[in-house]
Amino acid sequence: MKRVYGWDQGENEPGDLFGATVENLFAEVWSREGISNRDRRVLLVGLLVGQGMHEELGLQLDAALRTGDLTPDELREIVVFLTQYAGWPRGARLNGQVEELIARVMRS
């Protein structure tokens, strides 16, 4: 999880559904060979935009910048590309999220 998001979830407690899910997701799915974490991130961003999952998308965009998976310019290109397929309303919202994130990172 730390490699993918830049932070660790911490210790799992018995019966911890979130912990069990995180362990499977990052120990198995994100660790598989075949495609890079950057590719996984791009696929996930596209999926989240297409499904209108804006809150989850914010987490992925932030992680993409913090981990270096995507640069600000690459995120902007993703906005242009996805707007053509996901539609203007979703693309405009994505653009706002990306530009707000980039501005916040640049201030830091």
N, C-alpha and C. Protein backbone atom coordinates (compact mmCIF):
# COMPACT_ATOMS: atom_id res chain seq x y z
N MET A 1 0.82 -1.19 0.00
CA MET A 1 0.00 0.00 0.00
C MET A 1 0.86 1.25 0.00
N LYS A 2 1.98 1.18 0.73
CA LYS A 2 2.86 2.33 0.78
C LYS A 2 3.46 2.64 -0.58
N ARG A 3 3.82 1.61 -1.34
CA ARG A 3 4.39 1.82 -2.66
C ARG A 3 3.36 2.41 -3.63
N VAL A 4 2.10 2.04 -3.48
CA VAL A 4 1.05 2.48 -4.40
C VAL A 4 0.51 3.86 -4.04
N TYR A 5 0.31 4.11 -2.73
CA TYR A 5 -0.31 5.37 -2.30
C TYR A 5 0.65 6.32 -1.59
N GLY A 6 1.80 5.82 -1.17
CA GLY A 6 2.73 6.68 -0.46
C GLY A 6 2.50 6.71 1.04
N TRP A 7 1.57 5.92 1.56
CA TRP A 7 1.32 5.82 3.00
C TRP A 7 0.89 4.41 3.33
N ASP A 8 1.08 4.04 4.59
CA ASP A 8 0.80 2.69 5.04
C ASP A 8 -0.52 2.67 5.79
N GLN A 9 -1.24 1.58 5.68
CA GLN A 9 -2.53 1.43 6.33
C GLN A 9 -2.39 1.11 7.81
N GLY A 10 -1.28 0.55 8.23
CA GLY A 10 -1.10 0.17 9.63
C GLY A 10 -1.38 -1.30 9.85
N GLU A 11 -1.47 -1.67 11.10
CA GLU A 11 -1.68 -3.07 11.46
C GLU A 11 -3.14 -3.48 11.32
N ASN A 12 -3.37 -4.72 10.89
CA ASN A 12 -4.72 -5.27 10.78
C ASN A 12 -5.16 -5.82 12.13
N GLU A 13 -6.40 -5.64 12.44
CA GLU A 13 -7.01 -6.23 13.62
C GLU A 13 -7.81 -7.46 13.19
N PRO A 14 -7.99 -8.45 14.08
CA PRO A 14 -8.82 -9.61 13.72
C PRO A 14 -10.21 -9.16 13.29
N GLY A 15 -10.73 -9.74 12.20
CA GLY A 15 -12.05 -9.38 11.71
C GLY A 15 -12.08 -8.05 10.96
N ASP A 16 -10.92 -7.52 10.63
CA ASP A 16 -10.81 -6.22 9.97
C ASP A 16 -11.03 -6.39 8.47
N LEU A 17 -12.25 -6.11 7.99
CA LEU A 17 -12.57 -6.28 6.58
C LEU A 17 -11.71 -5.37 5.72
N PHE A 18 -11.53 -4.11 6.12
CA PHE A 18 -10.71 -3.19 5.36
C PHE A 18 -9.27 -3.70 5.26
N GLY A 19 -8.73 -4.16 6.38
CA GLY A 19 -7.36 -4.67 6.40
C GLY A 19 -7.19 -5.89 5.50
N ALA A 20 -8.16 -6.80 5.54
CA ALA A 20 -8.09 -8.00 4.70
C ALA A 20 -8.18 -7.62 3.23
N THR A 21 -9.04 -6.65 2.92
CA THR A 21 -9.18 -6.18 1.54
C THR A 21 -7.90 -5.54 1.06
N VAL A 22 -7.33 -4.68 1.89
CA VAL A 22 -6.09 -3.99 1.54
C VAL A 22 -4.97 -4.99 1.33
N GLU A 23 -4.88 -5.97 2.20
CA GLU A 23 -3.83 -6.97 2.07
C GLU A 23 -3.94 -7.70 0.74
N ASN A 24 -5.13 -8.13 0.37
CA ASN A 24 -5.32 -8.82 -0.90
C ASN A 24 -5.03 -7.90 -2.08
N LEU A 25 -5.57 -6.69 -2.02
CA LEU A 25 -5.42 -5.76 -3.13
C LEU A 25 -3.96 -5.43 -3.42
N PHE A 26 -3.20 -5.14 -2.36
CA PHE A 26 -1.82 -4.69 -2.59
C PHE A 26 -0.81 -5.83 -2.60
N ALA A 27 -1.06 -6.89 -1.84
CA ALA A 27 -0.13 -8.02 -1.85
C ALA A 27 -0.31 -8.88 -3.10
N GLU A 28 -1.51 -8.87 -3.65
CA GLU A 28 -1.78 -9.72 -4.81
C GLU A 28 -1.99 -8.92 -6.10
N VAL A 29 -2.98 -8.08 -6.13
CA VAL A 29 -3.38 -7.43 -7.38
C VAL A 29 -2.35 -6.40 -7.85
N TRP A 30 -1.98 -5.45 -6.99
CA TRP A 30 -1.04 -4.40 -7.39
C TRP A 30 0.39 -4.93 -7.52
N SER A 31 0.67 -6.12 -7.02
CA SER A 31 2.02 -6.68 -7.06
C SER A 31 2.25 -7.64 -8.22
N ARG A 32 1.23 -7.89 -8.99
CA ARG A 32 1.36 -8.82 -10.12
C ARG A 32 2.28 -8.23 -11.19
N GLU A 33 2.95 -9.13 -11.90
CA GLU A 33 3.76 -8.71 -13.05
C GLU A 33 2.84 -8.56 -14.25
N GLY A 34 3.33 -7.94 -15.28
CA GLY A 34 2.57 -7.83 -16.52
C GLY A 34 2.31 -6.40 -16.93
N ILE A 35 1.91 -5.56 -15.98
CA ILE A 35 1.77 -4.13 -16.25
C ILE A 35 2.33 -3.36 -15.06
N SER A 36 2.75 -2.17 -15.33
CA SER A 36 3.36 -1.34 -14.28
C SER A 36 2.30 -0.72 -13.38
N ASN A 37 2.73 -0.24 -12.23
CA ASN A 37 1.80 0.48 -11.35
C ASN A 37 1.28 1.74 -12.03
N ARG A 38 2.12 2.37 -12.85
CA ARG A 38 1.67 3.54 -13.59
C ARG A 38 0.51 3.17 -14.52
N ASP A 39 0.65 2.05 -15.23
CA ASP A 39 -0.43 1.60 -16.11
C ASP A 39 -1.69 1.27 -15.31
N ARG A 40 -1.51 0.63 -14.18
CA ARG A 40 -2.65 0.33 -13.33
C ARG A 40 -3.35 1.62 -12.90
N ARG A 41 -2.55 2.61 -12.56
CA ARG A 41 -3.11 3.89 -12.11
C ARG A 41 -3.90 4.56 -13.24
N VAL A 42 -3.35 4.56 -14.45
CA VAL A 42 -4.04 5.17 -15.59
C VAL A 42 -5.36 4.45 -15.85
N LEU A 43 -5.34 3.12 -15.82
CA LEU A 43 -6.57 2.36 -16.01
C LEU A 43 -7.60 2.68 -14.94
N LEU A 44 -7.15 2.76 -13.70
CA LEU A 44 -8.05 3.03 -12.59
C LEU A 44 -8.64 4.43 -12.68
N VAL A 45 -7.83 5.40 -13.05
CA VAL A 45 -8.34 6.77 -13.22
C VAL A 45 -9.43 6.78 -14.29
N GLY A 46 -9.19 6.14 -15.42
CA GLY A 46 -10.20 6.09 -16.47
C GLY A 46 -11.48 5.42 -16.01
N LEU A 47 -11.35 4.33 -15.30
CA LEU A 47 -12.52 3.62 -14.78
C LEU A 47 -13.31 4.50 -13.82
N LEU A 48 -12.62 5.15 -12.90
CA LEU A 48 -13.31 5.98 -11.91
C LEU A 48 -14.00 7.17 -12.56
N VAL A 49 -13.36 7.78 -13.56
CA VAL A 49 -14.00 8.88 -14.29
C VAL A 49 -15.26 8.36 -14.98
N GLY A 50 -15.13 7.24 -15.67
CA GLY A 50 -16.26 6.67 -16.41
C GLY A 50 -17.44 6.32 -15.52
N GLN A 51 -17.15 5.94 -14.29
CA GLN A 51 -18.22 5.58 -13.36
C GLN A 51 -18.67 6.75 -12.50
N GLY A 52 -18.04 7.90 -12.67
CA GLY A 52 -18.43 9.08 -11.90
C GLY A 52 -18.08 8.97 -10.42
N MET A 53 -17.04 8.23 -10.10
CA MET A 53 -16.63 8.03 -8.69
C MET A 53 -15.59 9.09 -8.31
N HIS A 54 -16.06 10.32 -8.12
CA HIS A 54 -15.19 11.47 -7.96
C HIS A 54 -14.38 11.47 -6.67
N GLU A 55 -14.95 11.00 -5.58
CA GLU A 55 -14.20 10.97 -4.32
C GLU A 55 -13.03 10.00 -4.41
N GLU A 56 -13.29 8.80 -4.92
CA GLU A 56 -12.23 7.81 -5.08
C GLU A 56 -11.19 8.30 -6.09
N LEU A 57 -11.65 9.02 -7.10
CA LEU A 57 -10.76 9.56 -8.11
C LEU A 57 -9.77 10.54 -7.49
N GLY A 58 -10.24 11.37 -6.57
CA GLY A 58 -9.35 12.32 -5.91
C GLY A 58 -8.18 11.63 -5.23
N LEU A 59 -8.44 10.52 -4.58
CA LEU A 59 -7.39 9.75 -3.92
C LEU A 59 -6.37 9.24 -4.95
N GLN A 60 -6.85 8.74 -6.08
CA GLN A 60 -5.95 8.22 -7.11
C GLN A 60 -5.12 9.32 -7.75
N LEU A 61 -5.73 10.47 -8.01
CA LEU A 61 -4.99 11.59 -8.61
C LEU A 61 -3.89 12.06 -7.68
N ASP A 62 -4.22 12.20 -6.40
CA ASP A 62 -3.24 12.62 -5.40
C ASP A 62 -2.10 11.61 -5.32
N ALA A 63 -2.44 10.33 -5.26
CA ALA A 63 -1.42 9.29 -5.17
C ALA A 63 -0.56 9.26 -6.43
N ALA A 64 -1.16 9.50 -7.59
CA ALA A 64 -0.41 9.49 -8.85
C ALA A 64 0.68 10.55 -8.84
N LEU A 65 0.36 11.73 -8.32
CA LEU A 65 1.37 12.79 -8.24
C LEU A 65 2.41 12.51 -7.16
N ARG A 66 1.95 12.09 -5.97
CA ARG A 66 2.88 11.87 -4.86
C ARG A 66 3.86 10.74 -5.13
N THR A 67 3.41 9.70 -5.82
CA THR A 67 4.30 8.56 -6.08
C THR A 67 5.12 8.75 -7.35
N GLY A 68 4.81 9.78 -8.12
CA GLY A 68 5.52 10.01 -9.37
C GLY A 68 5.02 9.16 -10.52
N ASP A 69 3.90 8.45 -10.33
CA ASP A 69 3.34 7.66 -11.42
C ASP A 69 2.95 8.54 -12.60
N LEU A 70 2.44 9.74 -12.31
CA LEU A 70 2.02 10.67 -13.35
C LEU A 70 2.48 12.08 -13.02
N THR A 71 2.84 12.82 -14.04
CA THR A 71 3.26 14.21 -13.87
C THR A 71 2.04 15.11 -14.07
N PRO A 72 2.14 16.38 -13.67
CA PRO A 72 1.03 17.30 -13.94
C PRO A 72 0.65 17.35 -15.43
N ASP A 73 1.63 17.39 -16.31
CA ASP A 73 1.33 17.42 -17.75
C ASP A 73 0.62 16.15 -18.22
N GLU A 74 1.03 15.01 -17.69
CA GLU A 74 0.36 13.76 -18.06
C GLU A 74 -1.08 13.74 -17.56
N LEU A 75 -1.30 14.25 -16.34
CA LEU A 75 -2.67 14.32 -15.83
C LEU A 75 -3.53 15.22 -16.71
N ARG A 76 -2.98 16.32 -17.16
CA ARG A 76 -3.73 17.22 -18.04
C ARG A 76 -4.07 16.53 -19.36
N GLU A 77 -3.16 15.75 -19.90
CA GLU A 77 -3.44 15.01 -21.13
C GLU A 77 -4.52 13.97 -20.92
N ILE A 78 -4.51 13.34 -19.76
CA ILE A 78 -5.55 12.36 -19.43
C ILE A 78 -6.91 13.05 -19.41
N VAL A 79 -6.97 14.27 -18.88
CA VAL A 79 -8.23 15.03 -18.87
C VAL A 79 -8.74 15.22 -20.29
N VAL A 80 -7.88 15.68 -21.18
CA VAL A 80 -8.28 15.94 -22.57
C VAL A 80 -8.79 14.64 -23.21
N PHE A 81 -8.05 13.56 -23.01
CA PHE A 81 -8.41 12.28 -23.62
C PHE A 81 -9.74 11.75 -23.07
N LEU A 82 -9.85 11.69 -21.74
CA LEU A 82 -11.04 11.10 -21.13
C LEU A 82 -12.29 11.93 -21.37
N THR A 83 -12.14 13.24 -21.51
CA THR A 83 -13.31 14.08 -21.77
C THR A 83 -14.00 13.65 -23.07
N GLN A 84 -13.22 13.23 -24.05
CA GLN A 84 -13.79 12.81 -25.33
C GLN A 84 -14.62 11.52 -25.20
N TYR A 85 -14.28 10.69 -24.23
CA TYR A 85 -14.96 9.41 -24.08
C TYR A 85 -15.94 9.37 -22.91
N ALA A 86 -15.66 10.10 -21.87
CA ALA A 86 -16.53 10.09 -20.68
C ALA A 86 -17.57 11.19 -20.73
N GLY A 87 -17.38 12.16 -21.62
CA GLY A 87 -18.34 13.26 -21.75
C GLY A 87 -17.85 14.52 -21.08
N TRP A 88 -18.40 15.63 -21.56
CA TRP A 88 -17.98 16.94 -21.08
C TRP A 88 -18.20 17.13 -19.58
N PRO A 89 -19.37 16.80 -19.01
CA PRO A 89 -19.55 17.03 -17.57
C PRO A 89 -18.51 16.31 -16.71
N ARG A 90 -18.25 15.06 -17.01
CA ARG A 90 -17.24 14.32 -16.23
C ARG A 90 -15.84 14.85 -16.51
N GLY A 91 -15.57 15.20 -17.76
CA GLY A 91 -14.26 15.76 -18.10
C GLY A 91 -14.03 17.10 -17.43
N ALA A 92 -15.05 17.93 -17.38
CA ALA A 92 -14.92 19.24 -16.73
C ALA A 92 -14.68 19.07 -15.23
N ARG A 93 -15.37 18.13 -14.64
CA ARG A 93 -15.16 17.88 -13.21
C ARG A 93 -13.75 17.34 -12.97
N LEU A 94 -13.30 16.42 -13.81
CA LEU A 94 -11.95 15.89 -13.70
C LEU A 94 -10.93 17.00 -13.86
N ASN A 95 -11.14 17.89 -14.82
CA ASN A 95 -10.24 19.01 -15.02
C ASN A 95 -10.13 19.86 -13.76
N GLY A 96 -11.25 20.13 -13.13
CA GLY A 96 -11.23 20.90 -11.89
C GLY A 96 -10.45 20.19 -10.80
N GLN A 97 -10.66 18.88 -10.66
CA GLN A 97 -9.94 18.11 -9.66
C GLN A 97 -8.44 18.13 -9.93
N VAL A 98 -8.06 17.94 -11.17
CA VAL A 98 -6.64 17.90 -11.54
C VAL A 98 -5.99 19.25 -11.30
N GLU A 99 -6.61 20.32 -11.76
CA GLU A 99 -6.02 21.65 -11.60
C GLU A 99 -5.94 22.06 -10.13
N GLU A 100 -6.94 21.72 -9.35
CA GLU A 100 -6.90 22.01 -7.91
C GLU A 100 -5.77 21.25 -7.24
N LEU A 101 -5.61 19.99 -7.59
CA LEU A 101 -4.54 19.16 -7.03
C LEU A 101 -3.17 19.71 -7.42
N ILE A 102 -2.99 20.03 -8.67
CA ILE A 102 -1.70 20.55 -9.13
C ILE A 102 -1.38 21.85 -8.41
N ALA A 103 -2.36 22.74 -8.27
CA ALA A 103 -2.13 24.01 -7.57
C ALA A 103 -1.74 23.75 -6.12
N ARG A 104 -2.41 22.80 -5.48
CA ARG A 104 -2.10 22.49 -4.07
C ARG A 104 -0.70 21.92 -3.94
N VAL A 105 -0.32 21.03 -4.85
CA VAL A 105 1.03 20.44 -4.80
C VAL A 105 2.09 21.50 -5.05
N MET A 106 1.84 22.40 -5.98
CA MET A 106 2.81 23.46 -6.30
C MET A 106 3.01 24.43 -5.12
N ARG A 107 1.95 24.61 -4.33
CA ARG A 107 2.06 25.50 -3.15
C ARG A 107 2.86 24.85 -2.03
N SER A 108 2.87 23.51 -2.02
CA SER A 108 3.54 22.78 -0.93
C SER A 108 5.03 22.88 -1.00
